[in-house]
Amino acid sequence: MTRTGKFLGLIALFGALFGGFSASSSVAQASTLPAMKISQLSYQSATKTLSFKTTTKAAVSKVAVAYNGKTTYYPAKKNGTAITYTFSGNHNFKIYGTTSKNGRLTKAATITNQQYGTTDPLNYNENRSETTFTLNVTTLGANRTVRLYGGDKLLATKTTGASGKATFTLTSGEYAKYGKRLGYTVQAKNRKTAAKIDVTYMPHTSDIAFNAVA
């Protein structure tokens, strides 16, 4: 091997060793970043906002909130940063601290859609007679707000109370108008409303209730 070949070989070996050292250092550094903690989490349905407070031991300049492909930065406060975020959809959030130039300084904390959304398994049964239609909605938790819709039109709102049950009654005329587009939503206190659940249409009058589980 020529001197040039040996020299290039030494450079390649040094580069491989140095590169490996740098990569392992980066991984180690990322794994030892301080944690970002989330507290005081609540959802406000009237404004469609999620509120929470972030705290970390790291001296961060900003708090980054990543949601559905978009990252928003908030000035960090020394004793914790209170954040109110307006959004739609049901995606998870990632929250972490950064430098003034958006370089990450903490691990990312996650807020899942189960933490801010209504996630009760929902049961309903329905009964259509000659004169009325009755829908019974039952939830696992008490004091849920249940809203009945005919398409996009809000027909009625009820609270389940301690029993976890809400009952809606429509006349035969109302059912003839809205029956094919009936659906309902359920909302727990300080949680986002669950996605609308369609109610199965009953084309014929019957004394037998139809049961379903969502």
Protein backbone atom coordinates (compact mmCIF):
# COMPACT_ATOMS: atom_id res chain seq x y z
CA MET A 1 0.00 0.00 0.00
CA THR A 2 1.33 3.47 -0.87
CA ARG A 3 1.83 6.20 1.70
CA THR A 4 -1.19 8.01 0.24
CA GLY A 5 -3.32 4.89 0.66
CA LYS A 6 -2.23 4.43 4.26
CA PHE A 7 -2.91 8.08 5.03
CA LEU A 8 -6.42 7.94 3.55
CA GLY A 9 -7.07 4.72 5.46
CA LEU A 10 -6.09 6.38 8.76
CA ILE A 11 -8.37 9.34 7.99
CA ALA A 12 -11.29 6.98 7.28
CA LEU A 13 -10.65 5.05 10.50
CA PHE A 14 -10.43 8.25 12.54
CA GLY A 15 -13.62 9.54 10.93
CA ALA A 16 -15.50 6.33 11.71
CA LEU A 17 -14.36 6.37 15.33
CA PHE A 18 -15.13 10.06 15.79
CA GLY A 19 -18.50 9.77 14.04
CA GLY A 20 -19.48 6.79 16.18
CA PHE A 21 -18.48 8.65 19.32
CA SER A 22 -20.51 11.71 18.28
CA ALA A 23 -23.61 9.63 17.47
CA SER A 24 -23.48 7.74 20.75
CA SER A 25 -22.98 11.01 22.63
CA SER A 26 -26.02 12.52 20.94
CA VAL A 27 -28.18 9.52 21.85
CA ALA A 28 -26.95 9.60 25.44
CA GLN A 29 -27.58 13.34 25.67
CA ALA A 30 -31.13 13.00 24.31
CA SER A 31 -31.95 10.23 26.76
CA THR A 32 -30.77 12.27 29.75
CA LEU A 33 -32.68 15.47 29.01
CA PRO A 34 -34.81 16.81 31.89
CA ALA A 35 -38.49 15.90 31.89
CA MET A 36 -41.36 18.20 30.98
CA LYS A 37 -44.31 17.78 33.34
CA ILE A 38 -47.98 18.59 32.67
CA SER A 39 -50.54 19.57 35.34
CA GLN A 40 -53.90 21.36 35.71
CA LEU A 41 -55.20 19.83 32.48
CA SER A 42 -58.74 20.79 31.43
CA TYR A 43 -60.82 21.21 28.27
CA GLN A 44 -63.33 24.06 27.72
CA SER A 45 -66.01 23.08 25.21
CA ALA A 46 -67.40 26.61 24.79
CA THR A 47 -64.09 27.91 23.42
CA LYS A 48 -62.70 24.58 22.15
CA THR A 49 -59.52 25.12 24.13
CA LEU A 50 -57.20 22.87 26.10
CA SER A 51 -55.58 24.44 29.17
CA PHE A 52 -52.62 23.06 31.09
CA LYS A 53 -49.50 24.07 33.00
CA THR A 54 -45.94 22.97 32.16
CA THR A 55 -43.01 22.72 34.57
CA THR A 56 -39.44 21.52 34.12
CA LYS A 57 -36.07 21.70 35.89
CA ALA A 58 -34.41 22.89 32.69
CA ALA A 59 -33.81 26.61 32.10
CA VAL A 60 -35.97 26.89 28.98
CA SER A 61 -36.80 30.02 27.04
CA LYS A 62 -39.87 28.66 25.25
CA VAL A 63 -42.42 25.89 25.55
CA ALA A 64 -43.22 24.14 22.27
CA VAL A 65 -46.66 22.62 21.69
CA ALA A 66 -46.79 20.25 18.72
CA TYR A 67 -50.25 19.22 17.47
CA ASN A 68 -51.33 17.68 14.17
CA GLY A 69 -48.17 18.69 12.29
CA LYS A 70 -48.03 22.25 13.67
CA THR A 71 -45.70 23.53 16.41
CA THR A 72 -46.48 26.67 18.42
CA TYR A 73 -44.01 28.31 20.81
CA TYR A 74 -44.90 30.09 24.07
CA PRO A 75 -42.59 32.22 26.28
CA ALA A 76 -41.56 30.12 29.29
CA LYS A 77 -42.19 31.28 32.85
CA LYS A 78 -39.75 30.46 35.65
CA ASN A 79 -42.36 28.97 38.01
CA GLY A 80 -44.34 27.14 35.31
CA THR A 81 -46.00 28.11 32.04
CA ALA A 82 -49.80 28.22 31.74
CA ILE A 83 -50.95 27.47 28.19
CA THR A 84 -54.35 27.69 26.52
CA TYR A 85 -54.49 26.06 23.09
CA THR A 86 -57.43 26.31 20.67
CA PHE A 87 -57.83 23.31 18.37
CA SER A 88 -60.11 20.90 16.54
CA GLY A 89 -59.75 17.16 16.00
CA ASN A 90 -58.66 14.40 18.36
CA HIS A 91 -54.89 14.12 18.00
CA ASN A 92 -52.19 13.73 20.65
CA PHE A 93 -50.07 16.66 21.82
CA LYS A 94 -46.28 16.76 22.33
CA ILE A 95 -44.93 19.43 24.69
CA TYR A 96 -41.25 20.23 25.32
CA GLY A 97 -38.94 23.07 26.36
CA THR A 98 -36.56 24.85 23.99
CA THR A 99 -33.87 27.50 23.76
CA SER A 100 -34.66 30.97 22.40
CA LYS A 101 -33.79 29.57 18.95
CA ASN A 102 -36.12 26.55 19.32
CA GLY A 103 -33.44 24.00 20.15
CA ARG A 104 -34.86 21.24 22.34
CA LEU A 105 -33.83 21.25 26.01
CA THR A 106 -36.26 18.71 27.55
CA LYS A 107 -37.90 15.42 26.85
CA ALA A 108 -41.35 15.68 25.26
CA ALA A 109 -44.43 15.18 27.41
CA THR A 110 -47.51 13.68 25.74
CA ILE A 111 -51.16 14.62 26.17
CA THR A 112 -53.31 11.92 24.58
CA ASN A 113 -56.83 12.36 23.23
CA GLN A 114 -58.02 10.05 26.02
CA GLN A 115 -56.85 12.63 28.57
CA TYR A 116 -58.96 15.48 27.17
CA GLY A 117 -61.77 13.60 25.40
CA THR A 118 -64.86 11.72 26.56
CA THR A 119 -64.05 8.03 26.24
CA ASP A 120 -66.95 6.23 27.98
CA PRO A 121 -68.17 3.04 26.28
CA LEU A 122 -71.71 4.00 25.28
CA ASN A 123 -74.85 1.84 25.22
CA TYR A 124 -78.17 2.77 23.72
CA ASN A 125 -81.51 1.14 23.08
CA GLU A 126 -84.43 2.43 21.08
CA ASN A 127 -88.11 1.64 20.76
CA ARG A 128 -90.59 2.83 18.16
CA SER A 129 -94.33 2.51 18.79
CA GLU A 130 -97.35 3.76 16.86
CA THR A 131 -97.17 7.20 18.50
CA THR A 132 -93.66 7.75 19.88
CA PHE A 133 -89.99 6.92 19.52
CA THR A 134 -87.85 6.49 22.64
CA LEU A 135 -84.05 6.48 22.85
CA ASN A 136 -82.24 5.53 26.06
CA VAL A 137 -78.52 6.37 26.33
CA THR A 138 -76.48 4.83 29.16
CA THR A 139 -72.91 5.81 30.08
CA LEU A 140 -70.43 4.39 32.57
CA GLY A 141 -69.94 7.73 34.33
CA ALA A 142 -72.51 9.96 36.02
CA ASN A 143 -73.46 13.51 35.06
CA ARG A 144 -72.67 13.27 31.37
CA THR A 145 -74.19 15.77 28.93
CA VAL A 146 -76.00 13.96 26.11
CA ARG A 147 -77.10 15.86 23.00
CA LEU A 148 -79.54 14.42 20.45
CA TYR A 149 -79.26 15.55 16.83
CA GLY A 150 -81.37 15.17 13.72
CA GLY A 151 -78.61 15.62 11.15
CA ASP A 152 -76.96 18.92 12.12
CA LYS A 153 -79.97 20.15 14.09
CA LEU A 154 -79.78 19.93 17.89
CA LEU A 155 -83.08 18.43 19.05
CA ALA A 156 -82.55 18.09 22.81
CA THR A 157 -79.90 18.15 25.56
CA LYS A 158 -80.05 16.12 28.77
CA THR A 159 -77.77 15.23 31.70
CA THR A 160 -77.48 11.62 32.79
CA GLY A 161 -77.28 12.47 36.51
CA ALA A 162 -76.21 9.83 39.03
CA SER A 163 -77.97 7.05 37.10
CA GLY A 164 -75.81 7.51 33.99
CA LYS A 165 -78.92 7.38 31.82
CA ALA A 166 -80.64 9.89 29.53
CA THR A 167 -83.99 9.27 27.82
CA PHE A 168 -85.25 11.09 24.72
CA THR A 169 -88.77 10.85 23.32
CA LEU A 170 -89.92 11.97 19.87
CA THR A 171 -93.41 12.06 18.44
CA SER A 172 -94.17 9.94 15.37
CA GLY A 173 -94.09 13.12 13.30
CA GLU A 174 -90.67 14.12 14.64
CA TYR A 175 -89.34 10.64 14.02
CA ALA A 176 -90.66 10.68 10.46
CA LYS A 177 -88.73 13.94 9.93
CA TYR A 178 -85.47 13.15 11.75
CA GLY A 179 -85.39 9.37 12.23
CA LYS A 180 -83.03 8.60 9.35
CA ARG A 181 -80.50 11.19 10.59
CA LEU A 182 -80.63 10.69 14.35
CA GLY A 183 -77.39 10.69 16.32
CA TYR A 184 -76.12 11.72 19.73
CA THR A 185 -72.97 12.89 21.48
CA VAL A 186 -71.77 12.47 25.07
CA GLN A 187 -69.58 14.85 27.03
CA ALA A 188 -67.96 14.47 30.45
CA LYS A 189 -67.20 17.54 32.57
CA ASN A 190 -64.01 19.31 31.45
CA ARG A 191 -63.65 16.87 28.55
CA LYS A 192 -64.08 17.22 24.81
CA THR A 193 -67.33 15.87 23.38
CA ALA A 194 -67.08 12.37 21.93
CA ALA A 195 -67.69 11.86 18.22
CA LYS A 196 -71.35 11.62 17.23
CA ILE A 197 -72.87 8.14 17.30
CA ASP A 198 -75.50 7.36 14.67
CA VAL A 199 -78.72 5.74 15.84
CA THR A 200 -80.03 2.85 13.73
CA TYR A 201 -83.20 3.78 11.84
CA MET A 202 -86.32 1.69 12.57
CA PRO A 203 -88.56 1.78 9.49
CA HIS A 204 -91.49 -0.03 11.15
CA THR A 205 -93.29 0.48 14.43
CA SER A 206 -92.43 -2.20 16.95
CA ASP A 207 -92.63 -2.93 20.65
CA ILE A 208 -89.19 -4.58 20.52
CA ALA A 209 -86.21 -2.35 21.36
CA PHE A 210 -83.07 -2.41 19.26
CA ASN A 211 -79.87 -2.64 21.30
CA ALA A 212 -76.37 -1.60 20.29
CA VAL A 213 -73.00 -0.98 21.86
CA ALA A 214 -70.59 1.69 20.61
